[in-house]
N, C-alpha and C. Protein backbone atom coordinates (compact mmCIF):
# COMPACT_ATOMS: atom_id res chain seq x y z
N MET A 1 -8.94 -22.63 -6.35
CA MET A 1 -7.65 -21.98 -6.45
C MET A 1 -6.62 -23.08 -6.36
N GLU A 2 -5.63 -22.98 -7.15
CA GLU A 2 -4.44 -23.79 -7.15
C GLU A 2 -3.61 -23.64 -6.03
N ALA A 3 -3.13 -24.75 -5.41
CA ALA A 3 -2.25 -24.76 -4.13
C ALA A 3 -0.94 -24.20 -4.47
N SER A 4 -0.35 -24.29 -5.65
CA SER A 4 1.03 -23.89 -5.87
C SER A 4 1.04 -22.48 -6.52
N LYS A 5 -0.08 -21.77 -6.75
CA LYS A 5 -0.25 -20.45 -7.25
C LYS A 5 0.19 -19.42 -6.16
N LYS A 6 1.24 -18.60 -6.58
CA LYS A 6 1.74 -17.54 -5.65
C LYS A 6 0.79 -16.33 -5.41
N HIS A 7 0.69 -15.94 -4.19
CA HIS A 7 -0.20 -14.67 -4.00
C HIS A 7 0.69 -13.80 -3.07
N TRP A 8 0.28 -12.57 -2.84
CA TRP A 8 0.90 -11.70 -2.00
C TRP A 8 0.13 -11.85 -0.56
N TYR A 9 1.03 -11.98 0.48
CA TYR A 9 0.50 -12.06 1.95
C TYR A 9 1.11 -10.90 2.66
N VAL A 10 0.44 -10.70 3.82
CA VAL A 10 0.95 -9.58 4.68
C VAL A 10 1.67 -10.53 5.83
N VAL A 11 2.88 -10.06 6.16
CA VAL A 11 3.60 -10.79 7.11
C VAL A 11 3.95 -9.55 8.15
N TYR A 12 3.42 -9.83 9.41
CA TYR A 12 3.75 -8.95 10.51
C TYR A 12 5.08 -9.23 11.04
N THR A 13 5.83 -7.91 11.28
CA THR A 13 7.23 -8.11 11.91
C THR A 13 7.27 -7.63 13.22
N ARG A 14 8.40 -7.92 13.93
CA ARG A 14 8.60 -7.34 15.27
C ARG A 14 8.79 -5.84 15.16
N TYR A 15 8.78 -5.14 16.11
CA TYR A 15 8.85 -3.63 16.14
C TYR A 15 10.23 -3.22 15.57
N ASN A 16 10.09 -2.40 14.52
CA ASN A 16 11.28 -1.78 13.78
C ASN A 16 12.17 -2.93 13.02
N ALA A 17 11.52 -3.98 12.68
CA ALA A 17 12.33 -4.95 11.95
C ALA A 17 11.97 -5.22 10.51
N GLU A 18 11.30 -4.18 9.86
CA GLU A 18 10.61 -4.28 8.58
C GLU A 18 11.92 -4.43 7.59
N LYS A 19 12.76 -3.59 7.67
CA LYS A 19 13.83 -3.49 6.67
C LYS A 19 14.78 -4.92 6.79
N LYS A 20 15.02 -5.20 8.14
CA LYS A 20 15.77 -6.44 8.25
C LYS A 20 15.17 -7.66 7.80
N LEU A 21 13.91 -7.79 8.08
CA LEU A 21 13.10 -9.01 7.63
C LEU A 21 13.00 -9.01 6.07
N GLU A 22 12.76 -7.92 5.40
CA GLU A 22 12.82 -7.73 3.93
C GLU A 22 14.11 -8.22 3.37
N LYS A 23 15.21 -7.86 4.04
CA LYS A 23 16.50 -8.24 3.43
C LYS A 23 16.60 -9.69 3.65
N VAL A 24 16.42 -10.26 4.96
CA VAL A 24 16.61 -11.65 5.14
C VAL A 24 15.66 -12.61 4.33
N LEU A 25 14.48 -12.15 3.98
CA LEU A 25 13.60 -12.96 3.20
C LEU A 25 14.13 -12.92 1.77
N SER A 26 14.45 -11.68 1.33
CA SER A 26 14.98 -11.65 -0.12
C SER A 26 16.24 -12.50 -0.27
N ASP A 27 17.26 -12.53 0.72
CA ASP A 27 18.39 -13.21 0.61
C ASP A 27 18.04 -14.80 0.54
N ALA A 28 16.90 -15.05 1.17
CA ALA A 28 16.48 -16.55 1.21
C ALA A 28 15.62 -17.04 -0.04
N GLY A 29 15.50 -16.01 -0.94
CA GLY A 29 14.77 -16.37 -2.19
C GLY A 29 13.37 -16.02 -2.27
N TYR A 30 12.92 -15.48 -1.27
CA TYR A 30 11.33 -14.99 -1.32
C TYR A 30 11.21 -13.69 -2.09
N GLU A 31 10.18 -13.55 -2.79
CA GLU A 31 9.79 -12.31 -3.44
C GLU A 31 9.13 -11.44 -2.45
N THR A 32 9.60 -10.24 -2.14
CA THR A 32 9.27 -9.35 -1.12
C THR A 32 8.92 -8.01 -1.53
N PHE A 33 8.15 -7.21 -0.89
CA PHE A 33 7.93 -5.85 -1.06
C PHE A 33 7.61 -5.13 0.22
N LEU A 34 8.42 -4.25 0.41
CA LEU A 34 8.36 -3.27 1.58
C LEU A 34 8.32 -1.91 1.11
N PRO A 35 7.05 -1.30 1.22
CA PRO A 35 6.70 0.02 0.73
C PRO A 35 7.30 1.06 1.79
N LEU A 36 8.40 1.88 1.25
CA LEU A 36 9.09 2.78 2.02
C LEU A 36 8.71 4.12 1.41
N TYR A 37 8.72 5.33 2.16
CA TYR A 37 8.68 6.66 1.59
C TYR A 37 9.91 7.28 2.29
N THR A 38 10.38 8.38 1.51
CA THR A 38 11.43 9.26 1.96
C THR A 38 10.81 10.52 2.52
N THR A 39 11.47 10.90 3.66
CA THR A 39 11.16 12.16 4.29
C THR A 39 12.42 12.73 4.91
N ILE A 40 12.27 13.92 5.37
CA ILE A 40 13.39 14.50 5.94
C ILE A 40 13.19 14.66 7.39
N ARG A 41 14.08 14.07 8.32
CA ARG A 41 13.84 14.13 9.78
C ARG A 41 14.83 15.19 10.15
N GLN A 42 14.45 15.95 11.28
CA GLN A 42 15.27 16.84 11.86
C GLN A 42 15.66 16.51 13.33
N TRP A 43 16.97 16.61 13.48
CA TRP A 43 17.35 16.43 15.00
C TRP A 43 18.05 17.98 15.17
N SER A 44 18.39 18.00 16.56
CA SER A 44 18.90 19.26 16.90
C SER A 44 20.12 19.69 16.22
N ASP A 45 20.85 18.90 15.72
CA ASP A 45 22.07 19.22 15.13
C ASP A 45 22.31 19.05 13.52
N ARG A 46 21.09 18.37 12.91
CA ARG A 46 21.21 18.14 11.60
C ARG A 46 19.85 17.75 10.97
N LYS A 47 19.78 17.82 9.74
CA LYS A 47 18.76 17.18 8.91
C LYS A 47 19.14 16.00 8.16
N LYS A 48 18.26 15.06 7.97
CA LYS A 48 18.65 13.81 7.19
C LYS A 48 17.47 13.21 6.56
N LYS A 49 17.74 12.80 5.19
CA LYS A 49 16.69 11.98 4.42
C LYS A 49 16.65 10.66 4.88
N VAL A 50 15.51 10.15 5.43
CA VAL A 50 15.51 8.76 5.77
C VAL A 50 14.29 8.12 5.17
N SER A 51 14.37 6.69 5.09
CA SER A 51 13.40 5.97 4.36
C SER A 51 12.63 5.23 5.50
N ILE A 52 11.36 5.41 5.43
CA ILE A 52 10.42 4.92 6.55
C ILE A 52 9.39 3.97 5.90
N PRO A 53 9.14 2.93 6.57
CA PRO A 53 7.96 1.99 6.05
C PRO A 53 6.67 2.74 6.12
N LEU A 54 5.97 2.62 4.87
CA LEU A 54 4.60 3.19 4.79
C LEU A 54 3.76 2.70 5.69
N ILE A 55 3.78 1.38 6.08
CA ILE A 55 2.94 0.75 6.94
C ILE A 55 3.89 -0.06 8.07
N ASN A 56 3.74 0.36 9.20
CA ASN A 56 4.58 -0.16 10.31
C ASN A 56 4.29 -1.65 10.53
N SER A 57 5.48 -2.34 10.83
CA SER A 57 5.42 -3.72 11.17
C SER A 57 4.84 -4.62 10.14
N VAL A 58 5.09 -4.27 8.84
CA VAL A 58 4.51 -5.12 7.69
C VAL A 58 5.50 -5.10 6.60
N VAL A 59 5.56 -6.45 6.06
CA VAL A 59 6.37 -6.85 4.91
C VAL A 59 5.36 -7.71 4.02
N PHE A 60 5.35 -7.34 2.72
CA PHE A 60 4.64 -8.24 1.93
C PHE A 60 5.46 -9.30 1.24
N VAL A 61 4.97 -10.50 1.19
CA VAL A 61 5.62 -11.66 0.65
C VAL A 61 4.75 -12.34 -0.31
N ARG A 62 5.23 -12.48 -1.51
CA ARG A 62 4.68 -13.24 -2.51
C ARG A 62 5.11 -14.74 -2.63
N THR A 63 4.22 -15.74 -2.27
CA THR A 63 4.65 -17.11 -2.05
C THR A 63 3.34 -17.91 -2.22
N THR A 64 3.51 -19.24 -2.10
CA THR A 64 2.41 -20.13 -2.21
C THR A 64 1.79 -20.41 -0.79
N PRO A 65 0.58 -20.72 -0.64
CA PRO A 65 0.06 -21.00 0.78
C PRO A 65 0.68 -22.14 1.51
N ALA A 66 1.26 -23.13 0.69
CA ALA A 66 2.03 -24.25 1.24
C ALA A 66 3.36 -23.62 1.95
N GLU A 67 3.96 -22.67 1.36
CA GLU A 67 5.27 -22.22 1.90
C GLU A 67 5.15 -21.16 2.96
N LEU A 68 3.80 -20.77 3.24
CA LEU A 68 3.74 -19.76 4.37
C LEU A 68 4.25 -20.01 5.77
N ASN A 69 3.96 -21.21 6.17
CA ASN A 69 4.28 -21.62 7.41
C ASN A 69 5.86 -21.52 7.66
N GLU A 70 6.58 -21.73 6.63
CA GLU A 70 8.02 -21.61 6.54
C GLU A 70 8.72 -20.35 7.11
N LEU A 71 7.82 -19.29 6.72
CA LEU A 71 8.11 -17.99 7.20
C LEU A 71 8.38 -17.78 8.85
N TYR A 72 7.72 -18.64 9.51
CA TYR A 72 7.86 -18.53 11.00
C TYR A 72 9.31 -18.78 11.45
N ARG A 73 10.00 -19.40 10.62
CA ARG A 73 11.43 -19.82 11.06
C ARG A 73 12.30 -18.58 11.17
N PHE A 74 11.96 -17.39 10.60
CA PHE A 74 12.65 -16.25 10.71
C PHE A 74 12.21 -15.36 11.94
N THR A 75 13.15 -15.17 12.77
CA THR A 75 12.97 -14.59 14.09
C THR A 75 12.31 -13.27 14.11
N GLN A 76 12.29 -12.57 12.86
CA GLN A 76 11.63 -11.17 12.82
C GLN A 76 10.25 -11.27 12.56
N VAL A 77 9.74 -12.51 12.25
CA VAL A 77 8.21 -12.78 11.85
C VAL A 77 7.39 -12.84 13.11
N ASN A 78 6.42 -11.99 13.20
CA ASN A 78 5.51 -12.08 14.26
C ASN A 78 4.19 -12.85 13.90
N GLY A 79 3.97 -12.75 12.66
CA GLY A 79 2.51 -13.44 12.30
C GLY A 79 2.36 -13.13 10.82
N ILE A 80 1.20 -13.82 10.45
CA ILE A 80 0.63 -13.67 9.05
C ILE A 80 -0.78 -13.18 9.21
N LEU A 81 -1.26 -12.19 8.46
CA LEU A 81 -2.61 -11.60 8.42
C LEU A 81 -3.46 -12.92 8.04
N LYS A 82 -4.64 -12.94 8.80
CA LYS A 82 -5.59 -14.01 8.62
C LYS A 82 -6.95 -13.40 8.36
N GLU A 83 -7.69 -13.90 7.44
CA GLU A 83 -8.98 -13.52 7.23
C GLU A 83 -9.96 -14.74 7.37
N GLN A 84 -10.81 -14.74 8.38
CA GLN A 84 -11.82 -15.89 8.47
C GLN A 84 -10.89 -17.12 8.73
N GLY A 85 -9.87 -17.06 9.45
CA GLY A 85 -8.98 -18.17 9.85
C GLY A 85 -8.00 -18.62 8.58
N LYS A 86 -7.98 -17.97 7.63
CA LYS A 86 -7.11 -18.35 6.50
C LYS A 86 -6.22 -17.26 6.25
N PRO A 87 -5.05 -17.55 5.73
CA PRO A 87 -4.09 -16.31 5.36
C PRO A 87 -4.85 -15.42 4.27
N GLY A 88 -4.80 -14.11 4.64
CA GLY A 88 -5.35 -13.09 3.85
C GLY A 88 -4.63 -12.81 2.54
N ILE A 89 -5.06 -12.85 1.33
CA ILE A 89 -4.46 -12.54 0.12
C ILE A 89 -4.61 -11.17 -0.24
N VAL A 90 -3.46 -10.42 -0.61
CA VAL A 90 -3.54 -9.13 -0.95
C VAL A 90 -3.50 -9.10 -2.47
N LYS A 91 -4.54 -8.22 -3.03
CA LYS A 91 -4.61 -8.19 -4.50
C LYS A 91 -3.41 -7.44 -5.09
N ASN A 92 -3.03 -7.94 -6.32
CA ASN A 92 -2.07 -7.28 -7.07
C ASN A 92 -2.37 -5.71 -7.28
N GLU A 93 -3.64 -5.31 -7.43
CA GLU A 93 -3.83 -3.93 -7.52
C GLU A 93 -3.50 -3.21 -6.29
N GLU A 94 -3.71 -3.73 -5.07
CA GLU A 94 -3.25 -3.02 -3.93
C GLU A 94 -1.88 -2.90 -3.78
N ILE A 95 -1.10 -3.89 -4.25
CA ILE A 95 0.33 -3.86 -4.28
C ILE A 95 0.86 -2.82 -5.20
N ARG A 96 0.31 -2.79 -6.36
CA ARG A 96 0.48 -1.66 -7.38
C ARG A 96 0.25 -0.12 -6.74
N ASN A 97 -0.84 -0.10 -6.08
CA ASN A 97 -1.12 1.27 -5.43
C ASN A 97 -0.24 1.53 -4.36
N LEU A 98 0.23 0.45 -3.50
CA LEU A 98 1.32 0.87 -2.56
C LEU A 98 2.56 1.24 -3.19
N GLU A 99 2.96 0.66 -4.42
CA GLU A 99 4.25 1.03 -5.12
C GLU A 99 4.18 2.40 -5.56
N ILE A 100 3.04 2.77 -6.07
CA ILE A 100 2.96 4.16 -6.48
C ILE A 100 3.06 5.10 -5.32
N ILE A 101 2.23 4.86 -4.30
CA ILE A 101 2.25 5.74 -3.21
C ILE A 101 3.65 5.90 -2.50
N SER A 102 4.39 4.72 -2.38
CA SER A 102 5.52 4.82 -1.69
C SER A 102 6.66 5.56 -2.52
N GLN A 103 6.43 5.47 -3.81
CA GLN A 103 7.43 6.19 -4.65
C GLN A 103 7.24 7.71 -4.74
N GLU A 104 5.99 8.11 -4.60
CA GLU A 104 5.75 9.40 -4.78
C GLU A 104 5.38 10.29 -3.64
N TRP A 105 5.01 9.64 -2.56
CA TRP A 105 4.37 10.22 -1.22
C TRP A 105 5.55 10.73 -0.43
N ASN A 106 5.38 11.95 0.06
CA ASN A 106 6.36 12.45 1.07
C ASN A 106 5.67 13.22 2.07
N GLY A 107 4.41 13.02 2.25
CA GLY A 107 3.64 13.74 3.22
C GLY A 107 2.95 15.05 2.90
N ASP A 108 3.40 15.55 1.74
CA ASP A 108 2.91 16.87 1.35
C ASP A 108 1.49 16.82 0.74
N VAL A 109 0.79 17.78 0.92
CA VAL A 109 -0.68 17.74 0.46
C VAL A 109 -0.73 18.63 -0.65
N ILE A 110 -1.64 18.27 -1.62
CA ILE A 110 -1.97 19.03 -2.85
C ILE A 110 -3.36 19.34 -2.76
N GLU A 111 -3.64 20.63 -2.67
CA GLU A 111 -5.03 21.16 -2.64
C GLU A 111 -5.78 21.13 -3.87
N THR A 112 -7.16 21.09 -3.82
CA THR A 112 -7.91 20.95 -4.96
C THR A 112 -8.83 22.22 -5.05
N ASN A 113 -8.92 22.77 -6.29
CA ASN A 113 -9.77 23.95 -6.57
C ASN A 113 -10.68 23.91 -7.67
N GLN A 114 -10.37 22.80 -8.51
CA GLN A 114 -11.18 22.65 -9.82
C GLN A 114 -12.67 22.23 -9.54
N ASP A 115 -13.56 22.62 -10.47
CA ASP A 115 -14.94 22.05 -10.35
C ASP A 115 -15.10 21.08 -11.29
N GLN A 116 -15.59 19.86 -10.91
CA GLN A 116 -15.89 18.81 -11.66
C GLN A 116 -17.08 18.05 -11.17
N PRO A 117 -17.89 17.45 -12.05
CA PRO A 117 -19.14 16.76 -11.48
C PRO A 117 -18.79 15.39 -10.92
N LEU A 118 -18.26 15.65 -9.70
CA LEU A 118 -17.85 14.32 -8.96
C LEU A 118 -18.50 14.41 -7.57
N ALA A 119 -19.01 13.22 -7.06
CA ALA A 119 -19.65 13.33 -5.81
C ALA A 119 -18.91 12.31 -4.81
N ALA A 120 -19.08 12.50 -3.44
CA ALA A 120 -18.50 11.62 -2.60
C ALA A 120 -18.98 10.29 -2.78
N GLY A 121 -18.12 9.36 -2.74
CA GLY A 121 -18.38 7.85 -2.92
C GLY A 121 -18.07 7.51 -4.39
N ASP A 122 -17.93 8.35 -5.26
CA ASP A 122 -17.59 7.96 -6.62
C ASP A 122 -16.31 7.25 -6.66
N PRO A 123 -16.32 6.10 -7.35
CA PRO A 123 -14.97 5.45 -7.66
C PRO A 123 -14.38 6.18 -8.89
N ILE A 124 -13.04 6.38 -8.64
CA ILE A 124 -12.08 7.21 -9.49
C ILE A 124 -10.81 6.40 -9.85
N GLU A 125 -10.24 6.90 -10.98
CA GLU A 125 -8.91 6.57 -11.27
C GLU A 125 -8.13 7.81 -11.48
N VAL A 126 -6.91 7.83 -10.94
CA VAL A 126 -5.98 8.97 -11.16
C VAL A 126 -5.24 8.83 -12.42
N LEU A 127 -5.51 9.94 -13.30
CA LEU A 127 -4.97 9.86 -14.64
C LEU A 127 -3.66 10.47 -14.73
N ARG A 128 -3.34 11.58 -14.07
CA ARG A 128 -2.08 12.14 -14.15
C ARG A 128 -1.28 12.40 -12.75
N GLY A 129 -0.01 12.70 -12.87
CA GLY A 129 0.65 13.10 -11.67
C GLY A 129 1.41 11.85 -11.10
N PRO A 130 1.78 12.20 -9.85
CA PRO A 130 2.68 11.00 -9.25
C PRO A 130 1.73 9.84 -8.82
N PHE A 131 0.52 9.90 -8.85
CA PHE A 131 -0.24 8.79 -8.29
C PHE A 131 -1.11 8.14 -9.44
N SER A 132 -0.68 8.48 -10.68
CA SER A 132 -1.23 7.98 -11.93
C SER A 132 -1.46 6.46 -11.86
N GLY A 133 -2.66 5.95 -12.15
CA GLY A 133 -2.86 4.61 -12.10
C GLY A 133 -3.51 4.02 -10.82
N VAL A 134 -3.66 4.73 -9.76
CA VAL A 134 -4.26 4.45 -8.56
C VAL A 134 -5.81 4.54 -8.59
N TYR A 135 -6.46 3.43 -8.20
CA TYR A 135 -7.92 3.57 -8.13
C TYR A 135 -8.31 3.84 -6.69
N GLY A 136 -9.39 4.52 -6.59
CA GLY A 136 -9.90 4.75 -5.22
C GLY A 136 -11.25 5.12 -5.20
N GLU A 137 -11.64 5.93 -4.08
CA GLU A 137 -12.89 6.37 -3.94
C GLU A 137 -12.81 7.92 -3.55
N LEU A 138 -13.57 8.79 -4.09
CA LEU A 138 -13.56 10.18 -3.94
C LEU A 138 -14.24 10.39 -2.50
N VAL A 139 -13.72 11.25 -1.66
CA VAL A 139 -14.40 11.61 -0.48
C VAL A 139 -14.43 13.00 -0.25
N ASN A 140 -15.57 13.54 0.42
CA ASN A 140 -15.67 15.00 0.53
C ASN A 140 -15.32 15.20 2.01
N HIS A 141 -14.44 16.20 2.23
CA HIS A 141 -14.02 16.52 3.64
C HIS A 141 -13.65 18.03 3.75
N ASN A 142 -14.36 18.81 4.45
CA ASN A 142 -14.09 20.25 4.64
C ASN A 142 -14.08 20.83 3.29
N GLY A 143 -14.98 20.44 2.44
CA GLY A 143 -15.21 21.15 1.12
C GLY A 143 -14.04 20.82 0.06
N LYS A 144 -13.20 19.85 0.46
CA LYS A 144 -12.08 19.48 -0.49
C LYS A 144 -12.39 18.00 -0.94
N HIS A 145 -12.00 17.63 -2.01
CA HIS A 145 -12.16 16.24 -2.53
C HIS A 145 -10.83 15.45 -2.24
N ARG A 146 -10.96 14.39 -1.86
CA ARG A 146 -9.74 13.40 -1.53
C ARG A 146 -9.91 12.11 -2.20
N VAL A 147 -8.70 11.52 -2.59
CA VAL A 147 -8.75 10.24 -3.09
C VAL A 147 -8.46 9.28 -1.93
N VAL A 148 -9.21 8.22 -1.80
CA VAL A 148 -9.01 7.36 -0.66
C VAL A 148 -8.75 6.01 -1.27
N VAL A 149 -7.56 5.46 -1.11
CA VAL A 149 -7.11 4.14 -1.58
C VAL A 149 -7.35 3.35 -0.50
N ARG A 150 -8.17 2.47 -0.56
CA ARG A 150 -8.52 1.46 0.40
C ARG A 150 -7.95 0.13 0.21
N LEU A 151 -7.19 -0.43 1.05
CA LEU A 151 -6.55 -1.76 1.07
C LEU A 151 -7.40 -2.53 2.01
N ARG A 152 -8.63 -3.07 1.42
CA ARG A 152 -9.55 -3.77 2.24
C ARG A 152 -8.91 -4.97 3.01
N SER A 153 -8.28 -5.75 2.36
CA SER A 153 -7.64 -6.88 3.00
C SER A 153 -6.91 -6.62 4.18
N MET A 154 -6.35 -5.58 4.29
CA MET A 154 -5.56 -5.12 5.55
C MET A 154 -6.24 -4.04 6.44
N GLN A 155 -7.41 -3.60 6.04
CA GLN A 155 -8.28 -2.69 6.74
C GLN A 155 -7.37 -1.31 6.95
N VAL A 156 -6.74 -0.97 5.95
CA VAL A 156 -5.82 0.28 6.01
C VAL A 156 -6.29 1.30 4.96
N GLU A 157 -6.38 2.61 5.15
CA GLU A 157 -6.73 3.50 4.19
C GLU A 157 -5.65 4.56 4.15
N PHE A 158 -5.45 4.98 2.89
CA PHE A 158 -4.54 6.20 2.80
C PHE A 158 -5.34 7.08 2.09
N VAL A 159 -5.31 8.55 2.71
CA VAL A 159 -5.90 9.59 2.08
C VAL A 159 -4.90 10.55 1.43
N ILE A 160 -5.27 10.75 0.06
CA ILE A 160 -4.18 11.55 -0.50
C ILE A 160 -5.04 12.74 -1.21
N ASN A 161 -4.73 14.00 -0.87
CA ASN A 161 -5.28 15.18 -1.52
C ASN A 161 -4.67 15.22 -2.89
N ILE A 162 -5.50 15.43 -3.84
CA ILE A 162 -4.97 15.53 -5.19
C ILE A 162 -6.04 16.38 -6.10
N PRO A 163 -5.57 17.15 -7.02
CA PRO A 163 -6.50 17.91 -7.80
C PRO A 163 -7.50 17.16 -8.50
N LYS A 164 -8.82 17.64 -8.46
CA LYS A 164 -9.89 16.89 -9.10
C LYS A 164 -9.63 16.79 -10.70
N ASN A 165 -8.91 17.65 -11.36
CA ASN A 165 -8.78 17.56 -12.75
C ASN A 165 -7.83 16.50 -13.07
N THR A 166 -7.28 15.87 -12.09
CA THR A 166 -6.34 14.68 -12.44
C THR A 166 -7.11 13.39 -12.36
N VAL A 167 -8.33 13.34 -12.03
CA VAL A 167 -9.04 11.93 -11.85
C VAL A 167 -10.18 11.96 -12.77
N ARG A 168 -10.60 10.76 -13.08
CA ARG A 168 -11.83 10.45 -13.82
C ARG A 168 -12.64 9.51 -13.06
N LYS A 169 -13.99 9.59 -13.19
CA LYS A 169 -14.94 8.67 -12.58
C LYS A 169 -14.94 7.41 -13.35
N VAL A 170 -14.93 6.28 -12.75
CA VAL A 170 -14.93 5.01 -13.38
C VAL A 170 -16.27 4.33 -13.01
N LYS A 171 -16.66 3.27 -13.66
CA LYS A 171 -17.96 2.51 -13.31
C LYS A 171 -17.91 1.89 -12.02
N SER A 172 -16.88 1.21 -11.42
CA SER A 172 -16.57 0.86 -10.20
C SER A 172 -15.20 0.67 -9.85
N ASN A 173 -14.87 0.35 -8.60
CA ASN A 173 -13.39 0.22 -8.19
C ASN A 173 -12.93 -0.95 -9.00
N GLN A 174 -12.12 -0.79 -10.03
CA GLN A 174 -11.69 -1.80 -10.85
C GLN A 174 -10.64 -2.64 -10.36
N ASP A 175 -10.61 -3.77 -10.47
CA ASP A 175 -9.45 -4.70 -9.98
C ASP A 175 -8.81 -5.05 -11.31
N THR A 176 -7.75 -4.50 -11.68
CA THR A 176 -7.07 -4.58 -12.85
C THR A 176 -6.04 -5.76 -12.73
N SER A 177 -6.14 -6.36 -11.45
CA SER A 177 -5.15 -7.51 -11.14
C SER A 177 -5.41 -8.71 -11.87
N THR A 178 -4.52 -9.50 -11.77
CA THR A 178 -4.73 -10.96 -12.28
C THR A 178 -4.67 -12.04 -11.30
N SER A 179 -5.17 -11.53 -10.11
CA SER A 179 -5.07 -12.62 -9.00
C SER A 179 -6.23 -13.61 -9.13
C-alpha cells in the first residue's frame, strides 16, 4: 500500500460534536463525510424536522495514513478506529452504502410479501427504490426478509426492511470499490 494514498477512516468525536467536527475538518481542507438522516421530532409545543447522525460520535475522514495523527489537534476528536493496532480503513463501498442509507432512510419500515427463491444468508444487491445499489445479506426474521448492510470494519449493522422483488441474488458480497 502506498503511504500517500488516501483512504476513509473512522474518527470518533466527543458527545454530540459530530456536526461541529465535520464543519471544522471541512474548513481545514479535509474531505469528510457525516451520514445524517432527517426525521421529525415532537416536543410538547411543536414538531420539527431535524438532521441526526446515522452513527453517533462518528465522522468519516478521507486522508493519508501519515496525516491521521494531525486530526488529534482538533478538540472534538476523541480517537481513530483501530484494527489490530493500525488505523482501520473503511471501504469505498461502505461509504456509498452509508450515503444511500442516509439520503433515503427515515426510520420507516417497508414490509415484504412477494415470493422469491432467496434464502437467509444469500448475498444480494438492491436493484430499485431508495436503497438501489446497496449490497448486503438477506436475513430471515419473523417470516420477513430483511437486507442487512454490514459495515464490518466498524462492526455496525443496519437492518433495512425492503420488498423481496427489489433485490437480486449475487455470487458474493461484491466490493465494487477501488480501495
